[in-house]
Amino acid sequence: MPLGFVESESVGVITHPSSSTIHQLALHSSRLALRRFGEQELRLLDAALSAGPDVSALLHTRSSARCLLREAAAQAFSVPDLGTRLSIADFFARAFALAGDVESCLAMRYEALLLREAKYPDDLHLQVSNEEWLTFAKDCLDNGFYTIASKAFANALVHIDPSCPRYLDPTNSILKKDKINGISGLQNLAKSLSALRSVQTQSAEYMKRKASEVNDKCNLHLQKAKLPGSSMFRLGENVNAIIVHSIWDPETTSVSVASSAAVSLRKPVK
């Protein structure tokens, strides 16, 4: 659907974003097509999302921006360089946050964290910290992405380094143990919620399948029940035709029957 011509789902009327909004989104789209992923592009997006004649137009602008960003993100990661892909993931995480696309934002954040893990495994300043994994895991948990949250909590546990000097004294050792227990508890919660959702999904699919089977059986029974009545109706028509159209032939002592089924009964002549 072209930018600037969107149908309101709530009231069924056509809403037109302002010309400046259309221009800003179009400009933003063209810059993404040129692989421009920087602060200026984020400012253009923010300006487009902030302008609009009414709430409905703003909502449709946000929806258009989300579609635009998803299409651009799907094509943006074709480069092999980890550093470039990391910058792209960071850009789209911020862009999706501006557009209010929580799921895509979390997906880009996860991609960025994994790319940093791969690119800077031994760099203490650039590698992903325990706090970053923990923050991301909690955000996933709060937004219902339990499987990813569980994986992120596991990464947070891995990044509690027992060789770090701050954990050498007894006090910090206790704090470390408490922190591990807290993260483990959240991870178990995420696993439980993920399993519960899986069970609910399977139950819903099972009930849907059973309902479909019941409907099929009911339809089959109805069809079987209708067949005798239909046959009897046709048989009744044939019988009526026999009664009405039967003619007695005294010379041949036969009965000629003109019916819809073209039935003829003939008695041999003696």
C-alpha atoms as a PDB file:
ATOM      1  CA  MET A   1       0.000   0.000   0.000  1.00  0.00           C
ATOM      2  CA  PRO A   2       1.499   3.406  -0.956  1.00  0.00           C
ATOM      3  CA  LEU A   3       2.649   5.725   1.776  1.00  0.00           C
ATOM      4  CA  GLY A   4       0.032   8.342   2.459  1.00  0.00           C
ATOM      5  CA  PHE A   5      -2.932   6.232   1.410  1.00  0.00           C
ATOM      6  CA  VAL A   6      -3.929   3.958   4.243  1.00  0.00           C
ATOM      7  CA  GLU A   7      -7.299   2.707   5.362  1.00  0.00           C
ATOM      8  CA  SER A   8      -8.329   3.135   8.967  1.00  0.00           C
ATOM      9  CA  GLU A   9      -9.153  -0.260  10.491  1.00  0.00           C
ATOM     10  CA  SER A  10     -11.198   1.241  13.303  1.00  0.00           C
ATOM     11  CA  VAL A  11     -13.595   3.513  11.449  1.00  0.00           C
ATOM     12  CA  GLY A  12     -13.273   2.328   7.839  1.00  0.00           C
ATOM     13  CA  VAL A  13     -12.260   5.720   6.420  1.00  0.00           C
ATOM     14  CA  ILE A  14      -9.249   6.803   4.432  1.00  0.00           C
ATOM     15  CA  THR A  15      -6.625   8.723   6.404  1.00  0.00           C
ATOM     16  CA  HIS A  16      -3.910  10.777   4.733  1.00  0.00           C
ATOM     17  CA  PRO A  17      -0.718  11.498   6.667  1.00  0.00           C
ATOM     18  CA  SER A  18       0.680  14.953   6.087  1.00  0.00           C
ATOM     19  CA  SER A  19       2.807  15.613   3.033  1.00  0.00           C
ATOM     20  CA  SER A  20       5.841  16.245   5.232  1.00  0.00           C
ATOM     21  CA  THR A  21       5.402  12.836   6.868  1.00  0.00           C
ATOM     22  CA  ILE A  22       5.144  11.140   3.479  1.00  0.00           C
ATOM     23  CA  HIS A  23       8.260  12.963   2.304  1.00  0.00           C
ATOM     24  CA  GLN A  24      10.241  12.054   5.424  1.00  0.00           C
ATOM     25  CA  LEU A  25       9.307   8.374   5.222  1.00  0.00           C
ATOM     26  CA  ALA A  26      10.103   8.270   1.509  1.00  0.00           C
ATOM     27  CA  LEU A  27      13.456   9.935   2.144  1.00  0.00           C
ATOM     28  CA  HIS A  28      14.165   7.539   4.989  1.00  0.00           C
ATOM     29  CA  SER A  29      13.322   4.586   2.739  1.00  0.00           C
ATOM     30  CA  SER A  30      15.602   5.811  -0.038  1.00  0.00           C
ATOM     31  CA  ARG A  31      18.498   6.265   2.383  1.00  0.00           C
ATOM     32  CA  LEU A  32      18.035   2.757   3.749  1.00  0.00           C
ATOM     33  CA  ALA A  33      18.080   1.453   0.173  1.00  0.00           C
ATOM     34  CA  LEU A  34      21.466   3.155  -0.185  1.00  0.00           C
ATOM     35  CA  ARG A  35      22.609   1.365   2.987  1.00  0.00           C
ATOM     36  CA  ARG A  36      22.748   4.514   5.070  1.00  0.00           C
ATOM     37  CA  PHE A  37      22.372   3.416   8.687  1.00  0.00           C
ATOM     38  CA  GLY A  38      23.300   6.364  10.854  1.00  0.00           C
ATOM     39  CA  GLU A  39      22.080   9.090  13.175  1.00  0.00           C
ATOM     40  CA  GLN A  40      20.613  11.181  10.358  1.00  0.00           C
ATOM     41  CA  GLU A  41      18.394   8.291   9.265  1.00  0.00           C
ATOM     42  CA  LEU A  42      17.185   7.830  12.834  1.00  0.00           C
ATOM     43  CA  ARG A  43      16.366  11.539  13.067  1.00  0.00           C
ATOM     44  CA  LEU A  44      14.376  11.347   9.823  1.00  0.00           C
ATOM     45  CA  LEU A  45      12.449   8.381  11.158  1.00  0.00           C
ATOM     46  CA  ASP A  46      11.763  10.082  14.466  1.00  0.00           C
ATOM     47  CA  ALA A  47      10.516  13.211  12.697  1.00  0.00           C
ATOM     48  CA  ALA A  48       8.181  11.180  10.475  1.00  0.00           C
ATOM     49  CA  LEU A  49       6.792   9.260  13.444  1.00  0.00           C
ATOM     50  CA  SER A  50       6.192  12.449  15.409  1.00  0.00           C
ATOM     51  CA  ALA A  51       4.240  14.322  12.723  1.00  0.00           C
ATOM     52  CA  GLY A  52       0.634  13.727  11.743  1.00  0.00           C
ATOM     53  CA  PRO A  53      -2.755  15.463  11.578  1.00  0.00           C
ATOM     54  CA  ASP A  54      -4.375  13.100  14.086  1.00  0.00           C
ATOM     55  CA  VAL A  55      -3.865   9.956  16.143  1.00  0.00           C
ATOM     56  CA  SER A  56      -5.128   7.692  13.356  1.00  0.00           C
ATOM     57  CA  ALA A  57      -2.598   9.121  10.910  1.00  0.00           C
ATOM     58  CA  LEU A  58       0.192   8.677  13.464  1.00  0.00           C
ATOM     59  CA  LEU A  59      -0.753   5.041  13.985  1.00  0.00           C
ATOM     60  CA  HIS A  60      -0.775   4.373  10.259  1.00  0.00           C
ATOM     61  CA  THR A  61       2.546   6.147   9.838  1.00  0.00           C
ATOM     62  CA  ARG A  62       4.007   3.926  12.551  1.00  0.00           C
ATOM     63  CA  SER A  63       2.591   0.832  10.839  1.00  0.00           C
ATOM     64  CA  SER A  64       4.081   1.887   7.500  1.00  0.00           C
ATOM     65  CA  ALA A  65       7.427   2.574   9.163  1.00  0.00           C
ATOM     66  CA  ARG A  66       7.466  -0.885  10.742  1.00  0.00           C
ATOM     67  CA  CYS A  67       6.870  -2.567   7.388  1.00  0.00           C
ATOM     68  CA  LEU A  68       9.537  -0.421   5.775  1.00  0.00           C
ATOM     69  CA  LEU A  69      12.078  -1.254   8.490  1.00  0.00           C
ATOM     70  CA  ARG A  70      11.367  -4.980   8.384  1.00  0.00           C
ATOM     71  CA  GLU A  71      11.884  -5.105   4.639  1.00  0.00           C
ATOM     72  CA  ALA A  72      15.090  -3.084   4.916  1.00  0.00           C
ATOM     73  CA  ALA A  73      16.430  -5.196   7.790  1.00  0.00           C
ATOM     74  CA  ALA A  74      15.813  -8.410   5.858  1.00  0.00           C
ATOM     75  CA  GLN A  75      18.120  -7.148   3.100  1.00  0.00           C
ATOM     76  CA  ALA A  76      20.690  -5.323   5.200  1.00  0.00           C
ATOM     77  CA  PHE A  77      22.584  -8.277   6.689  1.00  0.00           C
ATOM     78  CA  SER A  78      23.950  -9.607   3.406  1.00  0.00           C
ATOM     79  CA  VAL A  79      27.465  -8.350   4.229  1.00  0.00           C
ATOM     80  CA  PRO A  80      29.984 -10.848   5.644  1.00  0.00           C
ATOM     81  CA  ASP A  81      31.929  -8.438   7.865  1.00  0.00           C
ATOM     82  CA  LEU A  82      31.007  -8.870  11.551  1.00  0.00           C
ATOM     83  CA  GLY A  83      31.731  -5.253  12.425  1.00  0.00           C
ATOM     84  CA  THR A  84      29.425  -3.934   9.707  1.00  0.00           C
ATOM     85  CA  ARG A  85      26.687  -6.350  10.665  1.00  0.00           C
ATOM     86  CA  LEU A  86      27.041  -5.303  14.291  1.00  0.00           C
ATOM     87  CA  SER A  87      26.559  -1.646  13.356  1.00  0.00           C
ATOM     88  CA  ILE A  88      23.527  -2.553  11.250  1.00  0.00           C
ATOM     89  CA  ALA A  89      21.972  -4.575  14.079  1.00  0.00           C
ATOM     90  CA  ASP A  90      22.490  -1.708  16.501  1.00  0.00           C
ATOM     91  CA  PHE A  91      20.899   0.746  14.060  1.00  0.00           C
ATOM     92  CA  PHE A  92      17.807  -1.370  13.477  1.00  0.00           C
ATOM     93  CA  ALA A  93      17.411  -2.077  17.186  1.00  0.00           C
ATOM     94  CA  ARG A  94      17.148   1.672  17.757  1.00  0.00           C
ATOM     95  CA  ALA A  95      14.935   2.193  14.694  1.00  0.00           C
ATOM     96  CA  PHE A  96      12.477  -0.514  15.724  1.00  0.00           C
ATOM     97  CA  ALA A  97      12.391   0.970  19.217  1.00  0.00           C
ATOM     98  CA  LEU A  98      11.356   4.325  17.723  1.00  0.00           C
ATOM     99  CA  ALA A  99       8.648   2.597  15.660  1.00  0.00           C
ATOM    100  CA  GLY A 100       7.348   0.725  18.700  1.00  0.00           C
ATOM    101  CA  ASP A 101       8.054  -2.718  17.220  1.00  0.00           C
ATOM    102  CA  VAL A 102       9.062  -4.547  20.405  1.00  0.00           C
ATOM    103  CA  GLU A 103       9.568  -7.986  18.871  1.00  0.00           C
ATOM    104  CA  SER A 104      11.800  -6.749  16.046  1.00  0.00           C
ATOM    105  CA  CYS A 105      13.706  -4.497  18.440  1.00  0.00           C
ATOM    106  CA  LEU A 106      14.476  -7.414  20.755  1.00  0.00           C
ATOM    107  CA  ALA A 107      15.464  -9.565  17.772  1.00  0.00           C
ATOM    108  CA  MET A 108      17.951  -6.921  16.632  1.00  0.00           C
ATOM    109  CA  ARG A 109      19.322  -6.493  20.148  1.00  0.00           C
ATOM    110  CA  TYR A 110      19.821 -10.241  20.394  1.00  0.00           C
ATOM    111  CA  GLU A 111      21.577 -10.257  17.026  1.00  0.00           C
ATOM    112  CA  ALA A 112      23.854  -7.431  18.160  1.00  0.00           C
ATOM    113  CA  LEU A 113      24.757  -9.221  21.399  1.00  0.00           C
ATOM    114  CA  LEU A 114      25.584 -12.438  19.549  1.00  0.00           C
ATOM    115  CA  LEU A 115      27.695 -10.544  16.998  1.00  0.00           C
ATOM    116  CA  ARG A 116      29.631  -8.841  19.783  1.00  0.00           C
ATOM    117  CA  GLU A 117      30.180 -12.225  21.421  1.00  0.00           C
ATOM    118  CA  ALA A 118      31.605 -13.526  18.145  1.00  0.00           C
ATOM    119  CA  LYS A 119      33.712 -10.464  17.313  1.00  0.00           C
ATOM    120  CA  TYR A 120      35.107  -9.598  20.753  1.00  0.00           C
ATOM    121  CA  PRO A 121      35.323 -12.830  22.762  1.00  0.00           C
ATOM    122  CA  ASP A 122      38.476 -11.757  24.627  1.00  0.00           C
ATOM    123  CA  ASP A 123      38.144  -7.971  24.713  1.00  0.00           C
ATOM    124  CA  LEU A 124      37.172  -6.959  28.263  1.00  0.00           C
ATOM    125  CA  HIS A 125      35.937  -3.551  27.093  1.00  0.00           C
ATOM    126  CA  LEU A 126      33.836  -4.659  24.121  1.00  0.00           C
ATOM    127  CA  GLN A 127      32.624  -8.143  25.069  1.00  0.00           C
ATOM    128  CA  VAL A 128      29.063  -8.472  26.320  1.00  0.00           C
ATOM    129  CA  SER A 129      28.852  -8.075  30.075  1.00  0.00           C
ATOM    130  CA  ASN A 130      26.749  -9.989  32.549  1.00  0.00           C
ATOM    131  CA  GLU A 131      24.639  -6.870  33.141  1.00  0.00           C
ATOM    132  CA  GLU A 132      23.870  -6.482  29.426  1.00  0.00           C
ATOM    133  CA  TRP A 133      22.737 -10.082  29.078  1.00  0.00           C
ATOM    134  CA  LEU A 134      20.707  -9.781  32.262  1.00  0.00           C
ATOM    135  CA  THR A 135      18.978  -6.579  31.120  1.00  0.00           C
ATOM    136  CA  PHE A 136      18.158  -8.099  27.751  1.00  0.00           C
ATOM    137  CA  ALA A 137      16.886 -11.308  29.360  1.00  0.00           C
ATOM    138  CA  LYS A 138      14.560  -9.383  31.675  1.00  0.00           C
ATOM    139  CA  ASP A 139      13.204  -7.349  28.758  1.00  0.00           C
ATOM    140  CA  CYS A 140      12.456 -10.574  26.870  1.00  0.00           C
ATOM    141  CA  LEU A 141      10.817 -12.075  29.937  1.00  0.00           C
ATOM    142  CA  ASP A 142       8.655  -8.992  30.500  1.00  0.00           C
ATOM    143  CA  ASN A 143       7.490  -9.028  26.872  1.00  0.00           C
ATOM    144  CA  GLY A 144       6.654 -12.727  26.721  1.00  0.00           C
ATOM    145  CA  PHE A 145       9.620 -14.060  24.729  1.00  0.00           C
ATOM    146  CA  TYR A 146      10.407 -16.793  27.205  1.00  0.00           C
ATOM    147  CA  THR A 147      12.627 -19.076  25.124  1.00  0.00           C
ATOM    148  CA  ILE A 148      15.032 -16.276  24.202  1.00  0.00           C
ATOM    149  CA  ALA A 149      14.882 -15.007  27.787  1.00  0.00           C
ATOM    150  CA  SER A 150      15.994 -18.413  29.050  1.00  0.00           C
ATOM    151  CA  LYS A 151      18.963 -18.416  26.658  1.00  0.00           C
ATOM    152  CA  ALA A 152      19.896 -14.880  27.653  1.00  0.00           C
ATOM    153  CA  PHE A 153      19.772 -15.746  31.363  1.00  0.00           C
ATOM    154  CA  ALA A 154      22.081 -18.685  30.610  1.00  0.00           C
ATOM    155  CA  ASN A 155      24.524 -16.286  28.922  1.00  0.00           C
ATOM    156  CA  ALA A 156      24.282 -13.953  31.904  1.00  0.00           C
ATOM    157  CA  LEU A 157      25.301 -16.829  34.175  1.00  0.00           C
ATOM    158  CA  VAL A 158      28.246 -17.692  31.932  1.00  0.00           C
ATOM    159  CA  HIS A 159      29.498 -14.114  32.134  1.00  0.00           C
ATOM    160  CA  ILE A 160      29.778 -14.133  35.919  1.00  0.00           C
ATOM    161  CA  ASP A 161      33.534 -14.713  35.926  1.00  0.00           C
ATOM    162  CA  PRO A 162      34.729 -16.495  39.070  1.00  0.00           C
ATOM    163  CA  SER A 163      38.289 -15.350  38.404  1.00  0.00           C
ATOM    164  CA  CYS A 164      37.328 -11.683  38.567  1.00  0.00           C
ATOM    165  CA  PRO A 165      39.083  -9.985  41.557  1.00  0.00           C
ATOM    166  CA  ARG A 166      35.871  -8.505  42.947  1.00  0.00           C
ATOM    167  CA  TYR A 167      34.659 -12.008  43.792  1.00  0.00           C
ATOM    168  CA  LEU A 168      37.754 -13.141  45.714  1.00  0.00           C
ATOM    169  CA  ASP A 169      36.833 -11.901  49.184  1.00  0.00           C
ATOM    170  CA  PRO A 170      34.162 -13.765  51.218  1.00  0.00           C
ATOM    171  CA  THR A 171      31.625 -10.912  51.128  1.00  0.00           C
ATOM    172  CA  ASN A 172      31.659 -10.666  47.354  1.00  0.00           C
ATOM    173  CA  SER A 173      31.563 -14.446  47.131  1.00  0.00           C
ATOM    174  CA  ILE A 174      28.251 -14.407  48.997  1.00  0.00           C
ATOM    175  CA  LEU A 175      26.964 -11.646  46.744  1.00  0.00           C
ATOM    176  CA  LYS A 176      28.018 -13.658  43.724  1.00  0.00           C
ATOM    177  CA  LYS A 177      26.164 -16.714  44.998  1.00  0.00           C
ATOM    178  CA  ASP A 178      23.030 -14.659  45.610  1.00  0.00           C
ATOM    179  CA  LYS A 179      23.288 -13.189  42.126  1.00  0.00           C
ATOM    180  CA  ILE A 180      23.682 -16.614  40.562  1.00  0.00           C
ATOM    181  CA  ASN A 181      20.683 -17.903  42.494  1.00  0.00           C
ATOM    182  CA  GLY A 182      18.620 -14.902  41.407  1.00  0.00           C
ATOM    183  CA  ILE A 183      19.494 -15.337  37.730  1.00  0.00           C
ATOM    184  CA  SER A 184      18.932 -19.089  37.929  1.00  0.00           C
ATOM    185  CA  GLY A 185      15.505 -18.473  39.440  1.00  0.00           C
ATOM    186  CA  LEU A 186      14.577 -16.137  36.592  1.00  0.00           C
ATOM    187  CA  GLN A 187      15.879 -18.636  34.064  1.00  0.00           C
ATOM    188  CA  ASN A 188      13.760 -21.392  35.597  1.00  0.00           C
ATOM    189  CA  LEU A 189      10.758 -19.071  35.494  1.00  0.00           C
ATOM    190  CA  ALA A 190      11.368 -18.386  31.808  1.00  0.00           C
ATOM    191  CA  LYS A 191      11.669 -22.114  31.115  1.00  0.00           C
ATOM    192  CA  SER A 192       8.454 -22.846  33.006  1.00  0.00           C
ATOM    193  CA  LEU A 193       6.537 -20.135  31.162  1.00  0.00           C
ATOM    194  CA  SER A 194       7.921 -21.341  27.839  1.00  0.00           C
ATOM    195  CA  ALA A 195       6.873 -24.918  28.621  1.00  0.00           C
ATOM    196  CA  LEU A 196       3.437 -23.730  29.760  1.00  0.00           C
ATOM    197  CA  ARG A 197       2.944 -21.790  26.550  1.00  0.00           C
ATOM    198  CA  SER A 198       4.038 -24.831  24.566  1.00  0.00           C
ATOM    199  CA  VAL A 199       1.512 -27.012  26.403  1.00  0.00           C
ATOM    200  CA  GLN A 200      -1.224 -24.425  25.887  1.00  0.00           C
ATOM    201  CA  THR A 201      -0.382 -24.196  22.202  1.00  0.00           C
ATOM    202  CA  GLN A 202      -0.407 -27.960  21.822  1.00  0.00           C
ATOM    203  CA  SER A 203      -3.692 -28.185  23.736  1.00  0.00           C
ATOM    204  CA  ALA A 204      -5.261 -25.528  21.540  1.00  0.00           C
ATOM    205  CA  GLU A 205      -4.069 -27.318  18.409  1.00  0.00           C
ATOM    206  CA  TYR A 206      -5.378 -30.648  19.750  1.00  0.00           C
ATOM    207  CA  MET A 207      -8.789 -29.176  20.576  1.00  0.00           C
ATOM    208  CA  LYS A 208      -8.967 -27.533  17.169  1.00  0.00           C
ATOM    209  CA  ARG A 209      -8.089 -30.825  15.494  1.00  0.00           C
ATOM    210  CA  LYS A 210     -10.660 -32.748  17.547  1.00  0.00           C
ATOM    211  CA  ALA A 211     -13.332 -30.152  16.775  1.00  0.00           C
ATOM    212  CA  SER A 212     -12.552 -30.528  13.087  1.00  0.00           C
ATOM    213  CA  GLU A 213     -12.808 -34.331  13.372  1.00  0.00           C
ATOM    214  CA  VAL A 214     -16.152 -34.062  15.181  1.00  0.00           C
ATOM    215  CA  ASN A 215     -17.479 -31.720  12.490  1.00  0.00           C
ATOM    216  CA  ASP A 216     -16.344 -34.128   9.780  1.00  0.00           C
ATOM    217  CA  LYS A 217     -18.080 -37.044  11.527  1.00  0.00           C
ATOM    218  CA  CYS A 218     -21.269 -35.032  11.980  1.00  0.00           C
ATOM    219  CA  ASN A 219     -21.274 -34.079   8.318  1.00  0.00           C
ATOM    220  CA  LEU A 220     -20.710 -37.720   7.355  1.00  0.00           C
ATOM    221  CA  HIS A 221     -23.609 -38.888   9.546  1.00  0.00           C
ATOM    222  CA  LEU A 222     -25.855 -36.213   8.091  1.00  0.00           C
ATOM    223  CA  GLN A 223     -24.980 -37.310   4.585  1.00  0.00           C
ATOM    224  CA  LYS A 224     -25.693 -40.947   5.453  1.00  0.00           C
ATOM    225  CA  ALA A 225     -28.993 -39.975   7.052  1.00  0.00           C
ATOM    226  CA  LYS A 226     -30.032 -38.048   3.975  1.00  0.00           C
ATOM    227  CA  LEU A 227     -29.275 -40.823   1.500  1.00  0.00           C
ATOM    228  CA  PRO A 228     -32.199 -43.178   2.447  1.00  0.00           C
ATOM    229  CA  GLY A 229     -34.678 -40.309   2.399  1.00  0.00           C
ATOM    230  CA  SER A 230     -33.453 -39.202  -0.980  1.00  0.00           C
ATOM    231  CA  SER A 231     -33.610 -42.735  -2.309  1.00  0.00           C
ATOM    232  CA  MET A 232     -37.124 -43.202  -0.906  1.00  0.00           C
ATOM    233  CA  PHE A 233     -38.192 -39.934  -2.494  1.00  0.00           C
ATOM    234  CA  ARG A 234     -36.929 -41.088  -5.897  1.00  0.00           C
ATOM    235  CA  LEU A 235     -38.505 -44.495  -5.353  1.00  0.00           C
ATOM    236  CA  GLY A 236     -41.816 -42.826  -4.508  1.00  0.00           C
ATOM    237  CA  GLU A 237     -41.634 -40.878  -7.744  1.00  0.00           C
ATOM    238  CA  ASN A 238     -41.053 -44.085  -9.690  1.00  0.00           C
ATOM    239  CA  VAL A 239     -43.955 -45.848  -7.975  1.00  0.00           C
ATOM    240  CA  ASN A 240     -46.264 -42.935  -8.705  1.00  0.00           C
ATOM    241  CA  ALA A 241     -45.156 -42.986 -12.299  1.00  0.00           C
ATOM    242  CA  ILE A 242     -45.891 -46.723 -12.478  1.00  0.00           C
ATOM    243  CA  ILE A 243     -49.371 -46.269 -11.034  1.00  0.00           C
ATOM    244  CA  VAL A 244     -50.249 -43.358 -13.285  1.00  0.00           C
ATOM    245  CA  HIS A 245     -48.736 -44.586 -16.537  1.00  0.00           C
ATOM    246  CA  SER A 246     -49.349 -48.348 -16.339  1.00  0.00           C
ATOM    247  CA  ILE A 247     -51.338 -49.708 -19.356  1.00  0.00           C
ATOM    248  CA  TRP A 248     -52.979 -53.185 -19.469  1.00  0.00           C
ATOM    249  CA  ASP A 249     -52.439 -55.054 -22.752  1.00  0.00           C
ATOM    250  CA  PRO A 250     -54.982 -57.936 -22.937  1.00  0.00           C
ATOM    251  CA  GLU A 251     -53.466 -59.536 -26.048  1.00  0.00           C
ATOM    252  CA  THR A 252     -50.029 -60.076 -24.577  1.00  0.00           C
ATOM    253  CA  THR A 253     -51.146 -60.179 -20.968  1.00  0.00           C
ATOM    254  CA  SER A 254     -48.279 -57.811 -20.126  1.00  0.00           C
ATOM    255  CA  VAL A 255     -47.766 -54.655 -18.239  1.00  0.00           C
ATOM    256  CA  SER A 256     -45.763 -51.903 -19.979  1.00  0.00           C
ATOM    257  CA  VAL A 257     -44.394 -49.434 -17.523  1.00  0.00           C
ATOM    258  CA  ALA A 258     -43.283 -45.940 -18.484  1.00  0.00           C
ATOM    259  CA  SER A 259     -41.367 -44.503 -15.576  1.00  0.00           C
ATOM    260  CA  SER A 260     -38.497 -42.211 -14.922  1.00  0.00           C
ATOM    261  CA  ALA A 261     -36.289 -45.266 -14.394  1.00  0.00           C
ATOM    262  CA  ALA A 262     -37.427 -46.798 -17.760  1.00  0.00           C
ATOM    263  CA  VAL A 263     -38.479 -50.068 -16.067  1.00  0.00           C
ATOM    264  CA  SER A 264     -40.377 -52.693 -18.172  1.00  0.00           C
ATOM    265  CA  LEU A 265     -41.912 -55.912 -16.749  1.00  0.00           C
ATOM    266  CA  ARG A 266     -43.219 -58.360 -19.360  1.00  0.00           C
ATOM    267  CA  LYS A 267     -45.020 -61.683 -18.784  1.00  0.00           C
ATOM    268  CA  PRO A 268     -44.298 -64.252 -21.511  1.00  0.00           C
ATOM    269  CA  VAL A 269     -47.232 -65.265 -23.778  1.00  0.00           C
ATOM    270  CA  LYS A 270     -48.539 -68.758 -23.233  1.00  0.00           C
END
